Amino acid sequence: MKRIVVASKNPVKINAAQQAFEAMFPEEEFESTGVSVVSGVSDQPLSDEETYTGALNRATAAKAAEPSADYWVSFEGGAEDKNGEIEAFAWVLIEDRTGLIGKGRSATFFLPPAVAELMREGKELGEADDIVFGLTNSKQNDGTIGSLTGGLVTRTSYYVDAAVLALIPFKNLSLYRPEA
């Protein structure tokens, strides 16, 4: 059994990592756990670069905290102002014991004006989502994407797809590490 350490204790992220690995490598067995680490960036990253940096920092910190794992996975949700609207997305980074790093970015969607305004006032996306939709702790449930799609896309499924993209180098090792 291969051990996956997710750079968060959020069950959404732990479940998303587990599902992505199981989907990409159905012949293998995985066990996913979470570790609480800091991103080294703002609580709510507000650019693509800051979000990517947060994901990279979390993956590095998870590896330092749990060095005996086989894989370290980080999810970092971010937002960026585009022409007066705020788009939301996430970066996923996965590193293995050999130092190979896979990277995936989620699909992008634009936030409703009420959520965007709360974020411009300094609130994190999860907090803004809770206020607008009258929820509690939505980021450990279906998240903003779940609220906006009526549950058709959940925060977990949204992250699974991005994690699958980050696993491409591991699934196609001969293309990404021809010397291996």
N, C-alpha and C. Protein backbone atom coordinates (compact mmCIF):
# COMPACT_ATOMS: atom_id res chain seq x y z
N MET A 1 0.84 -1.18 0.00
CA MET A 1 0.00 0.00 0.00
C MET A 1 0.89 1.24 0.00
N LYS A 2 0.55 2.18 -0.88
CA LYS A 2 1.31 3.43 -0.96
C LYS A 2 0.64 4.49 -0.11
N ARG A 3 1.48 5.27 0.52
CA ARG A 3 1.01 6.28 1.47
C ARG A 3 1.04 7.66 0.84
N ILE A 4 -0.11 8.32 0.89
CA ILE A 4 -0.26 9.68 0.37
C ILE A 4 -0.45 10.62 1.55
N VAL A 5 0.32 11.68 1.60
CA VAL A 5 0.13 12.71 2.62
C VAL A 5 -0.36 13.97 1.92
N VAL A 6 -1.52 14.41 2.32
CA VAL A 6 -2.13 15.62 1.78
C VAL A 6 -1.79 16.78 2.70
N ALA A 7 -1.43 17.89 2.12
CA ALA A 7 -0.99 19.06 2.87
C ALA A 7 -2.17 19.83 3.43
N SER A 8 -3.08 19.13 4.08
CA SER A 8 -4.27 19.73 4.69
C SER A 8 -4.98 18.66 5.48
N LYS A 9 -5.71 19.08 6.50
CA LYS A 9 -6.55 18.15 7.25
C LYS A 9 -8.00 18.20 6.74
N ASN A 10 -8.25 19.03 5.72
CA ASN A 10 -9.59 19.17 5.17
C ASN A 10 -10.00 17.85 4.50
N PRO A 11 -11.10 17.23 4.95
CA PRO A 11 -11.51 15.95 4.39
C PRO A 11 -11.82 16.01 2.89
N VAL A 12 -12.25 17.16 2.39
CA VAL A 12 -12.50 17.31 0.95
C VAL A 12 -11.22 17.05 0.17
N LYS A 13 -10.13 17.63 0.61
CA LYS A 13 -8.85 17.49 -0.09
C LYS A 13 -8.28 16.09 0.06
N ILE A 14 -8.41 15.51 1.23
CA ILE A 14 -7.93 14.14 1.45
C ILE A 14 -8.70 13.17 0.57
N ASN A 15 -10.02 13.31 0.53
CA ASN A 15 -10.85 12.44 -0.31
C ASN A 15 -10.56 12.63 -1.79
N ALA A 16 -10.34 13.87 -2.20
CA ALA A 16 -10.05 14.15 -3.61
C ALA A 16 -8.74 13.48 -4.02
N ALA A 17 -7.72 13.56 -3.18
CA ALA A 17 -6.45 12.92 -3.49
C ALA A 17 -6.64 11.41 -3.61
N GLN A 18 -7.32 10.82 -2.66
CA GLN A 18 -7.56 9.37 -2.67
C GLN A 18 -8.29 8.95 -3.95
N GLN A 19 -9.34 9.67 -4.30
CA GLN A 19 -10.12 9.33 -5.49
C GLN A 19 -9.30 9.47 -6.78
N ALA A 20 -8.47 10.50 -6.85
CA ALA A 20 -7.66 10.71 -8.05
C ALA A 20 -6.64 9.59 -8.22
N PHE A 21 -5.95 9.23 -7.15
CA PHE A 21 -4.97 8.14 -7.24
C PHE A 21 -5.65 6.83 -7.60
N GLU A 22 -6.79 6.55 -7.00
CA GLU A 22 -7.51 5.30 -7.29
C GLU A 22 -7.98 5.27 -8.75
N ALA A 23 -8.40 6.41 -9.28
CA ALA A 23 -8.85 6.47 -10.66
C ALA A 23 -7.69 6.27 -11.64
N MET A 24 -6.55 6.88 -11.35
CA MET A 24 -5.41 6.78 -12.26
C MET A 24 -4.64 5.47 -12.13
N PHE A 25 -4.67 4.88 -10.96
CA PHE A 25 -3.91 3.65 -10.70
C PHE A 25 -4.80 2.62 -10.02
N PRO A 26 -5.81 2.11 -10.74
CA PRO A 26 -6.79 1.21 -10.11
C PRO A 26 -6.19 -0.11 -9.62
N GLU A 27 -5.02 -0.48 -10.13
CA GLU A 27 -4.39 -1.73 -9.72
C GLU A 27 -3.59 -1.60 -8.42
N GLU A 28 -3.46 -0.39 -7.91
CA GLU A 28 -2.68 -0.16 -6.69
C GLU A 28 -3.60 0.22 -5.54
N GLU A 29 -3.06 0.10 -4.32
CA GLU A 29 -3.80 0.50 -3.13
C GLU A 29 -3.11 1.70 -2.50
N PHE A 30 -3.94 2.64 -2.03
CA PHE A 30 -3.43 3.87 -1.45
C PHE A 30 -4.13 4.15 -0.13
N GLU A 31 -3.41 4.82 0.73
CA GLU A 31 -3.95 5.31 1.99
C GLU A 31 -3.60 6.79 2.09
N SER A 32 -4.62 7.63 2.22
CA SER A 32 -4.41 9.07 2.28
C SER A 32 -4.67 9.60 3.68
N THR A 33 -3.75 10.43 4.14
CA THR A 33 -3.92 11.12 5.42
C THR A 33 -3.56 12.59 5.20
N GLY A 34 -3.94 13.41 6.15
CA GLY A 34 -3.65 14.83 6.03
C GLY A 34 -2.74 15.31 7.12
N VAL A 35 -2.01 16.35 6.81
CA VAL A 35 -1.15 17.02 7.78
C VAL A 35 -1.38 18.52 7.62
N SER A 36 -1.46 19.21 8.74
CA SER A 36 -1.70 20.64 8.72
C SER A 36 -0.38 21.38 8.51
N VAL A 37 -0.28 22.12 7.42
CA VAL A 37 0.93 22.89 7.11
C VAL A 37 0.50 24.28 6.61
N VAL A 38 1.43 25.20 6.65
CA VAL A 38 1.13 26.56 6.18
C VAL A 38 1.52 26.71 4.71
N SER A 39 0.85 27.65 4.06
CA SER A 39 1.10 27.88 2.64
C SER A 39 2.20 28.91 2.40
N GLY A 40 2.44 29.76 3.38
CA GLY A 40 3.44 30.81 3.18
C GLY A 40 2.95 31.95 2.30
N VAL A 41 1.66 31.92 1.94
CA VAL A 41 1.07 33.00 1.15
C VAL A 41 -0.18 33.49 1.90
N SER A 42 -0.89 34.42 1.34
CA SER A 42 -2.11 34.93 1.96
C SER A 42 -3.10 33.81 2.22
N ASP A 43 -3.94 33.97 3.24
CA ASP A 43 -4.99 32.99 3.50
C ASP A 43 -5.87 32.81 2.26
N GLN A 44 -6.08 33.89 1.53
CA GLN A 44 -6.81 33.81 0.27
C GLN A 44 -5.92 34.34 -0.83
N PRO A 45 -5.20 33.44 -1.52
CA PRO A 45 -4.35 33.91 -2.62
C PRO A 45 -5.18 34.61 -3.69
N LEU A 46 -4.66 35.73 -4.18
CA LEU A 46 -5.42 36.53 -5.13
C LEU A 46 -4.72 36.70 -6.47
N SER A 47 -3.94 35.71 -6.85
CA SER A 47 -3.37 35.67 -8.20
C SER A 47 -2.99 34.23 -8.51
N ASP A 48 -2.84 33.95 -9.78
CA ASP A 48 -2.43 32.61 -10.20
C ASP A 48 -1.06 32.27 -9.60
N GLU A 49 -0.14 33.23 -9.66
CA GLU A 49 1.21 33.00 -9.16
C GLU A 49 1.22 32.74 -7.65
N GLU A 50 0.48 33.53 -6.90
CA GLU A 50 0.43 33.34 -5.44
C GLU A 50 -0.21 31.99 -5.09
N THR A 51 -1.22 31.60 -5.84
CA THR A 51 -1.90 30.33 -5.60
C THR A 51 -0.95 29.17 -5.88
N TYR A 52 -0.24 29.23 -7.00
CA TYR A 52 0.74 28.19 -7.34
C TYR A 52 1.82 28.11 -6.27
N THR A 53 2.32 29.26 -5.84
CA THR A 53 3.35 29.30 -4.80
C THR A 53 2.85 28.67 -3.51
N GLY A 54 1.61 28.96 -3.14
CA GLY A 54 1.02 28.35 -1.95
C GLY A 54 0.97 26.84 -2.05
N ALA A 55 0.59 26.33 -3.22
CA ALA A 55 0.54 24.87 -3.43
C ALA A 55 1.94 24.27 -3.33
N LEU A 56 2.91 24.92 -3.94
CA LEU A 56 4.29 24.42 -3.89
C LEU A 56 4.81 24.42 -2.45
N ASN A 57 4.56 25.51 -1.72
CA ASN A 57 5.01 25.60 -0.33
C ASN A 57 4.35 24.52 0.54
N ARG A 58 3.07 24.28 0.32
CA ARG A 58 2.37 23.26 1.10
C ARG A 58 2.92 21.86 0.82
N ALA A 59 3.17 21.57 -0.45
CA ALA A 59 3.73 20.25 -0.79
C ALA A 59 5.10 20.06 -0.14
N THR A 60 5.93 21.08 -0.18
CA THR A 60 7.25 21.03 0.43
C THR A 60 7.15 20.84 1.94
N ALA A 61 6.23 21.55 2.56
CA ALA A 61 6.04 21.45 4.01
C ALA A 61 5.49 20.08 4.40
N ALA A 62 4.59 19.53 3.60
CA ALA A 62 4.05 18.20 3.88
C ALA A 62 5.16 17.15 3.81
N LYS A 63 6.03 17.28 2.83
CA LYS A 63 7.15 16.35 2.69
C LYS A 63 8.08 16.44 3.89
N ALA A 64 8.32 17.65 4.36
CA ALA A 64 9.18 17.83 5.54
C ALA A 64 8.52 17.27 6.79
N ALA A 65 7.20 17.40 6.89
CA ALA A 65 6.47 16.94 8.08
C ALA A 65 6.32 15.42 8.12
N GLU A 66 6.16 14.81 6.95
CA GLU A 66 5.93 13.35 6.85
C GLU A 66 6.84 12.77 5.77
N PRO A 67 8.15 12.72 6.00
CA PRO A 67 9.09 12.32 4.95
C PRO A 67 9.00 10.85 4.52
N SER A 68 8.30 10.02 5.25
CA SER A 68 8.24 8.60 4.90
C SER A 68 7.12 8.26 3.91
N ALA A 69 6.35 9.23 3.49
CA ALA A 69 5.25 8.96 2.54
C ALA A 69 5.80 8.63 1.16
N ASP A 70 4.93 8.11 0.32
CA ASP A 70 5.28 7.84 -1.08
C ASP A 70 4.96 9.03 -1.97
N TYR A 71 3.91 9.77 -1.60
CA TYR A 71 3.49 10.94 -2.36
C TYR A 71 3.06 12.04 -1.39
N TRP A 72 3.27 13.30 -1.83
CA TRP A 72 2.80 14.46 -1.09
C TRP A 72 1.94 15.27 -2.04
N VAL A 73 0.75 15.63 -1.58
CA VAL A 73 -0.23 16.30 -2.43
C VAL A 73 -0.66 17.60 -1.77
N SER A 74 -0.71 18.66 -2.56
CA SER A 74 -1.21 19.93 -2.04
C SER A 74 -2.27 20.48 -2.97
N PHE A 75 -3.27 21.08 -2.37
CA PHE A 75 -4.35 21.76 -3.08
C PHE A 75 -4.35 23.20 -2.57
N GLU A 76 -4.35 24.14 -3.47
CA GLU A 76 -4.43 25.55 -3.05
C GLU A 76 -5.46 26.24 -3.93
N GLY A 77 -6.54 26.69 -3.30
CA GLY A 77 -7.57 27.43 -4.02
C GLY A 77 -7.20 28.89 -4.09
N GLY A 78 -7.46 29.49 -5.23
CA GLY A 78 -7.12 30.89 -5.40
C GLY A 78 -8.17 31.62 -6.21
N ALA A 79 -7.96 32.90 -6.34
CA ALA A 79 -8.86 33.75 -7.10
C ALA A 79 -8.02 34.86 -7.74
N GLU A 80 -8.54 35.40 -8.84
CA GLU A 80 -7.82 36.48 -9.51
C GLU A 80 -8.83 37.39 -10.19
N ASP A 81 -8.57 38.68 -10.08
CA ASP A 81 -9.43 39.67 -10.73
C ASP A 81 -9.13 39.68 -12.22
N LYS A 82 -10.17 39.49 -13.01
CA LYS A 82 -10.05 39.54 -14.47
C LYS A 82 -11.10 40.49 -15.02
N ASN A 83 -10.67 41.63 -15.47
CA ASN A 83 -11.57 42.61 -16.08
C ASN A 83 -12.77 42.94 -15.21
N GLY A 84 -12.52 43.11 -13.91
CA GLY A 84 -13.58 43.51 -12.99
C GLY A 84 -14.41 42.38 -12.41
N GLU A 85 -14.11 41.15 -12.80
CA GLU A 85 -14.76 39.98 -12.23
C GLU A 85 -13.71 39.15 -11.52
N ILE A 86 -14.14 38.29 -10.61
CA ILE A 86 -13.17 37.43 -9.92
C ILE A 86 -13.38 35.99 -10.35
N GLU A 87 -12.31 35.42 -10.88
CA GLU A 87 -12.34 34.01 -11.26
C GLU A 87 -11.77 33.18 -10.11
N ALA A 88 -12.29 31.99 -9.95
CA ALA A 88 -11.81 31.07 -8.91
C ALA A 88 -11.23 29.84 -9.59
N PHE A 89 -10.21 29.26 -8.95
CA PHE A 89 -9.51 28.09 -9.49
C PHE A 89 -8.68 27.48 -8.38
N ALA A 90 -8.03 26.39 -8.67
CA ALA A 90 -7.14 25.76 -7.70
C ALA A 90 -5.95 25.15 -8.42
N TRP A 91 -4.82 25.13 -7.72
CA TRP A 91 -3.63 24.42 -8.17
C TRP A 91 -3.47 23.16 -7.32
N VAL A 92 -3.04 22.09 -7.96
CA VAL A 92 -2.72 20.84 -7.28
C VAL A 92 -1.31 20.46 -7.66
N LEU A 93 -0.47 20.20 -6.66
CA LEU A 93 0.88 19.72 -6.90
C LEU A 93 1.05 18.38 -6.20
N ILE A 94 1.70 17.45 -6.89
CA ILE A 94 1.97 16.13 -6.34
C ILE A 94 3.44 15.82 -6.56
N GLU A 95 4.10 15.41 -5.47
CA GLU A 95 5.51 15.03 -5.55
C GLU A 95 5.65 13.60 -5.06
N ASP A 96 6.55 12.85 -5.72
CA ASP A 96 6.83 11.49 -5.26
C ASP A 96 8.21 11.41 -4.64
N ARG A 97 8.57 10.24 -4.18
CA ARG A 97 9.85 10.03 -3.48
C ARG A 97 11.07 10.34 -4.34
N THR A 98 10.92 10.27 -5.67
CA THR A 98 12.05 10.53 -6.56
C THR A 98 12.23 12.01 -6.84
N GLY A 99 11.28 12.84 -6.39
CA GLY A 99 11.36 14.28 -6.65
C GLY A 99 10.57 14.72 -7.87
N LEU A 100 9.93 13.78 -8.56
CA LEU A 100 9.10 14.15 -9.69
C LEU A 100 7.89 14.92 -9.17
N ILE A 101 7.57 16.03 -9.83
CA ILE A 101 6.43 16.86 -9.43
C ILE A 101 5.45 16.94 -10.58
N GLY A 102 4.20 16.60 -10.28
CA GLY A 102 3.11 16.77 -11.24
C GLY A 102 2.29 17.97 -10.83
N LYS A 103 1.81 18.71 -11.83
CA LYS A 103 1.05 19.92 -11.57
C LYS A 103 -0.24 19.91 -12.37
N GLY A 104 -1.32 20.31 -11.72
CA GLY A 104 -2.59 20.43 -12.41
C GLY A 104 -3.33 21.65 -11.90
N ARG A 105 -4.07 22.25 -12.79
CA ARG A 105 -4.88 23.40 -12.40
C ARG A 105 -6.33 23.07 -12.74
N SER A 106 -7.20 23.44 -11.85
CA SER A 106 -8.62 23.16 -12.05
C SER A 106 -9.19 24.02 -13.16
N ALA A 107 -10.42 23.71 -13.50
CA ALA A 107 -11.19 24.60 -14.37
C ALA A 107 -11.40 25.91 -13.63
N THR A 108 -11.73 26.95 -14.37
CA THR A 108 -11.94 28.27 -13.82
C THR A 108 -13.43 28.60 -13.91
N PHE A 109 -13.93 29.25 -12.89
CA PHE A 109 -15.30 29.77 -12.96
C PHE A 109 -15.32 31.15 -12.32
N PHE A 110 -16.31 31.94 -12.70
CA PHE A 110 -16.39 33.31 -12.20
C PHE A 110 -17.42 33.40 -11.08
N LEU A 111 -17.05 34.17 -10.07
CA LEU A 111 -17.87 34.29 -8.87
C LEU A 111 -19.01 35.30 -9.07
N PRO A 112 -20.13 35.07 -8.39
CA PRO A 112 -21.21 36.05 -8.44
C PRO A 112 -20.74 37.37 -7.83
N PRO A 113 -21.30 38.48 -8.28
CA PRO A 113 -20.87 39.79 -7.75
C PRO A 113 -20.92 39.89 -6.23
N ALA A 114 -21.91 39.32 -5.57
CA ALA A 114 -22.00 39.42 -4.10
C ALA A 114 -20.82 38.73 -3.42
N VAL A 115 -20.40 37.59 -3.96
CA VAL A 115 -19.25 36.88 -3.40
C VAL A 115 -17.97 37.66 -3.70
N ALA A 116 -17.85 38.13 -4.93
CA ALA A 116 -16.67 38.91 -5.33
C ALA A 116 -16.50 40.15 -4.45
N GLU A 117 -17.60 40.82 -4.17
CA GLU A 117 -17.54 42.05 -3.35
C GLU A 117 -17.03 41.73 -1.94
N LEU A 118 -17.52 40.66 -1.35
CA LEU A 118 -17.05 40.27 -0.02
C LEU A 118 -15.55 39.93 -0.04
N MET A 119 -15.11 39.32 -1.11
CA MET A 119 -13.68 39.02 -1.22
C MET A 119 -12.87 40.31 -1.36
N ARG A 120 -13.38 41.25 -2.10
CA ARG A 120 -12.68 42.54 -2.24
C ARG A 120 -12.60 43.27 -0.89
N GLU A 121 -13.52 42.94 0.00
CA GLU A 121 -13.50 43.52 1.35
C GLU A 121 -12.55 42.75 2.28
N GLY A 122 -11.92 41.68 1.77
CA GLY A 122 -10.92 40.95 2.55
C GLY A 122 -11.35 39.59 3.07
N LYS A 123 -12.53 39.14 2.72
CA LYS A 123 -12.97 37.83 3.19
C LYS A 123 -12.42 36.72 2.28
N GLU A 124 -12.15 35.54 2.88
CA GLU A 124 -11.77 34.39 2.08
C GLU A 124 -12.99 33.89 1.32
N LEU A 125 -12.75 33.17 0.24
CA LEU A 125 -13.84 32.67 -0.59
C LEU A 125 -14.83 31.83 0.22
N GLY A 126 -14.32 30.93 1.06
CA GLY A 126 -15.21 30.08 1.86
C GLY A 126 -16.11 30.89 2.78
N GLU A 127 -15.55 31.92 3.39
CA GLU A 127 -16.34 32.78 4.28
C GLU A 127 -17.39 33.57 3.49
N ALA A 128 -16.97 34.09 2.34
CA ALA A 128 -17.91 34.84 1.49
C ALA A 128 -19.04 33.92 1.02
N ASP A 129 -18.69 32.70 0.66
CA ASP A 129 -19.66 31.71 0.22
C ASP A 129 -20.68 31.43 1.33
N ASP A 130 -20.18 31.23 2.54
CA ASP A 130 -21.07 30.96 3.68
C ASP A 130 -22.05 32.11 3.89
N ILE A 131 -21.58 33.34 3.77
CA ILE A 131 -22.43 34.50 3.97
C ILE A 131 -23.50 34.58 2.88
N VAL A 132 -23.08 34.49 1.63
CA VAL A 132 -24.01 34.66 0.51
C VAL A 132 -25.04 33.54 0.44
N PHE A 133 -24.59 32.30 0.68
CA PHE A 133 -25.49 31.15 0.54
C PHE A 133 -26.08 30.67 1.86
N GLY A 134 -25.74 31.37 2.97
CA GLY A 134 -26.30 31.00 4.27
C GLY A 134 -25.84 29.63 4.74
N LEU A 135 -24.58 29.32 4.51
CA LEU A 135 -24.02 28.02 4.87
C LEU A 135 -23.06 28.13 6.04
N THR A 136 -22.58 27.00 6.51
CA THR A 136 -21.56 26.94 7.55
C THR A 136 -20.46 26.01 7.10
N ASN A 137 -19.23 26.51 7.10
CA ASN A 137 -18.05 25.71 6.77
C ASN A 137 -18.17 25.02 5.41
N SER A 138 -18.61 25.75 4.41
CA SER A 138 -18.82 25.18 3.08
C SER A 138 -17.53 24.65 2.46
N LYS A 139 -16.39 25.18 2.88
CA LYS A 139 -15.14 24.73 2.25
C LYS A 139 -14.75 23.31 2.68
N GLN A 140 -15.41 22.78 3.71
CA GLN A 140 -15.19 21.38 4.05
C GLN A 140 -16.36 20.53 3.58
N ASN A 141 -17.18 21.11 2.72
CA ASN A 141 -18.30 20.39 2.13
C ASN A 141 -18.25 20.59 0.61
N ASP A 142 -19.33 21.06 0.01
CA ASP A 142 -19.37 21.17 -1.45
C ASP A 142 -18.75 22.45 -1.99
N GLY A 143 -18.45 23.42 -1.12
CA GLY A 143 -17.77 24.64 -1.54
C GLY A 143 -18.62 25.53 -2.44
N THR A 144 -17.99 26.57 -2.90
CA THR A 144 -18.66 27.54 -3.77
C THR A 144 -19.16 26.86 -5.04
N ILE A 145 -18.33 26.01 -5.62
CA ILE A 145 -18.71 25.34 -6.86
C ILE A 145 -19.96 24.49 -6.66
N GLY A 146 -20.08 23.84 -5.51
CA GLY A 146 -21.27 23.05 -5.22
C GLY A 146 -22.51 23.91 -5.09
N SER A 147 -22.36 25.06 -4.42
CA SER A 147 -23.49 25.98 -4.26
C SER A 147 -23.95 26.51 -5.62
N LEU A 148 -23.00 26.85 -6.47
CA LEU A 148 -23.34 27.46 -7.76
C LEU A 148 -23.87 26.46 -8.78
N THR A 149 -23.50 25.19 -8.65
CA THR A 149 -23.97 24.18 -9.62
C THR A 149 -25.09 23.31 -9.06
N GLY A 150 -25.59 23.65 -7.88
CA GLY A 150 -26.63 22.84 -7.27
C GLY A 150 -26.13 21.43 -6.96
N GLY A 151 -24.84 21.31 -6.66
CA GLY A 151 -24.26 20.02 -6.30
C GLY A 151 -23.84 19.17 -7.49
N LEU A 152 -24.04 19.66 -8.71
CA LEU A 152 -23.62 18.90 -9.89
C LEU A 152 -22.10 18.72 -9.89
N VAL A 153 -21.39 19.78 -9.55
CA VAL A 153 -19.94 19.72 -9.34
C VAL A 153 -19.72 20.06 -7.88
N THR A 154 -19.05 19.19 -7.15
CA THR A 154 -18.75 19.44 -5.74
C THR A 154 -17.31 19.89 -5.62
N ARG A 155 -16.95 20.39 -4.47
CA ARG A 155 -15.56 20.78 -4.25
C ARG A 155 -14.65 19.56 -4.40
N THR A 156 -15.11 18.41 -3.94
CA THR A 156 -14.30 17.19 -4.09
C THR A 156 -14.12 16.84 -5.56
N SER A 157 -15.20 16.76 -6.32
CA SER A 157 -15.07 16.37 -7.74
C SER A 157 -14.25 17.38 -8.52
N TYR A 158 -14.39 18.64 -8.18
CA TYR A 158 -13.62 19.72 -8.80
C TYR A 158 -12.12 19.50 -8.57
N TYR A 159 -11.77 19.13 -7.34
CA TYR A 159 -10.37 18.87 -7.01
C TYR A 159 -9.87 17.55 -7.59
N VAL A 160 -10.73 16.54 -7.68
CA VAL A 160 -10.31 15.25 -8.24
C VAL A 160 -9.80 15.45 -9.66
N ASP A 161 -10.54 16.17 -10.48
CA ASP A 161 -10.11 16.36 -11.87
C ASP A 161 -8.75 17.05 -11.95
N ALA A 162 -8.54 18.07 -11.12
CA ALA A 162 -7.24 18.76 -11.13
C ALA A 162 -6.13 17.83 -10.64
N ALA A 163 -6.43 16.99 -9.66
CA ALA A 163 -5.43 16.04 -9.15
C ALA A 163 -5.10 14.98 -10.20
N VAL A 164 -6.09 14.54 -10.95
CA VAL A 164 -5.84 13.59 -12.05
C VAL A 164 -4.87 14.22 -13.05
N LEU A 165 -5.08 15.49 -13.37
CA LEU A 165 -4.16 16.18 -14.28
C LEU A 165 -2.75 16.23 -13.71
N ALA A 166 -2.63 16.45 -12.40
CA ALA A 166 -1.31 16.48 -11.76
C ALA A 166 -0.65 15.11 -11.74
N LEU A 167 -1.45 14.05 -11.87
CA LEU A 167 -0.90 12.69 -11.88
C LEU A 167 -0.44 12.23 -13.26
N ILE A 168 -0.67 13.01 -14.29
CA ILE A 168 -0.26 12.62 -15.64
C ILE A 168 1.19 12.19 -15.73
N PRO A 169 2.16 12.94 -15.17
CA PRO A 169 3.55 12.49 -15.28
C PRO A 169 3.81 11.13 -14.63
N PHE A 170 3.09 10.81 -13.57
CA PHE A 170 3.29 9.54 -12.88
C PHE A 170 2.68 8.39 -13.67
N LYS A 171 1.61 8.65 -14.39
CA LYS A 171 0.95 7.65 -15.23
C LYS A 171 1.76 7.41 -16.51
N ASN A 172 2.50 8.43 -16.93
CA ASN A 172 3.26 8.38 -18.20
C ASN A 172 4.74 8.63 -17.93
N LEU A 173 5.27 7.88 -16.99
CA LEU A 173 6.63 8.11 -16.51
C LEU A 173 7.67 8.11 -17.65
N SER A 174 7.52 7.24 -18.62
CA SER A 174 8.52 7.17 -19.71
C SER A 174 8.54 8.44 -20.54
N LEU A 175 7.46 9.19 -20.55
CA LEU A 175 7.43 10.45 -21.30
C LEU A 175 7.98 11.62 -20.49
N TYR A 176 7.85 11.54 -19.19
CA TYR A 176 8.28 12.64 -18.32
C TYR A 176 9.64 12.40 -17.68
N ARG A 177 10.04 11.15 -17.63
CA ARG A 177 11.36 10.76 -17.13
C ARG A 177 11.91 9.66 -18.03
N PRO A 178 12.33 10.03 -19.24
CA PRO A 178 12.76 9.01 -20.20
C PRO A 178 13.93 8.15 -19.69
N GLU A 179 14.71 8.69 -18.79
CA GLU A 179 15.86 7.93 -18.25
C GLU A 179 15.46 6.90 -17.23
N ALA A 180 14.21 6.95 -16.75
CA ALA A 180 13.77 6.02 -15.70
C ALA A 180 13.51 4.63 -16.24
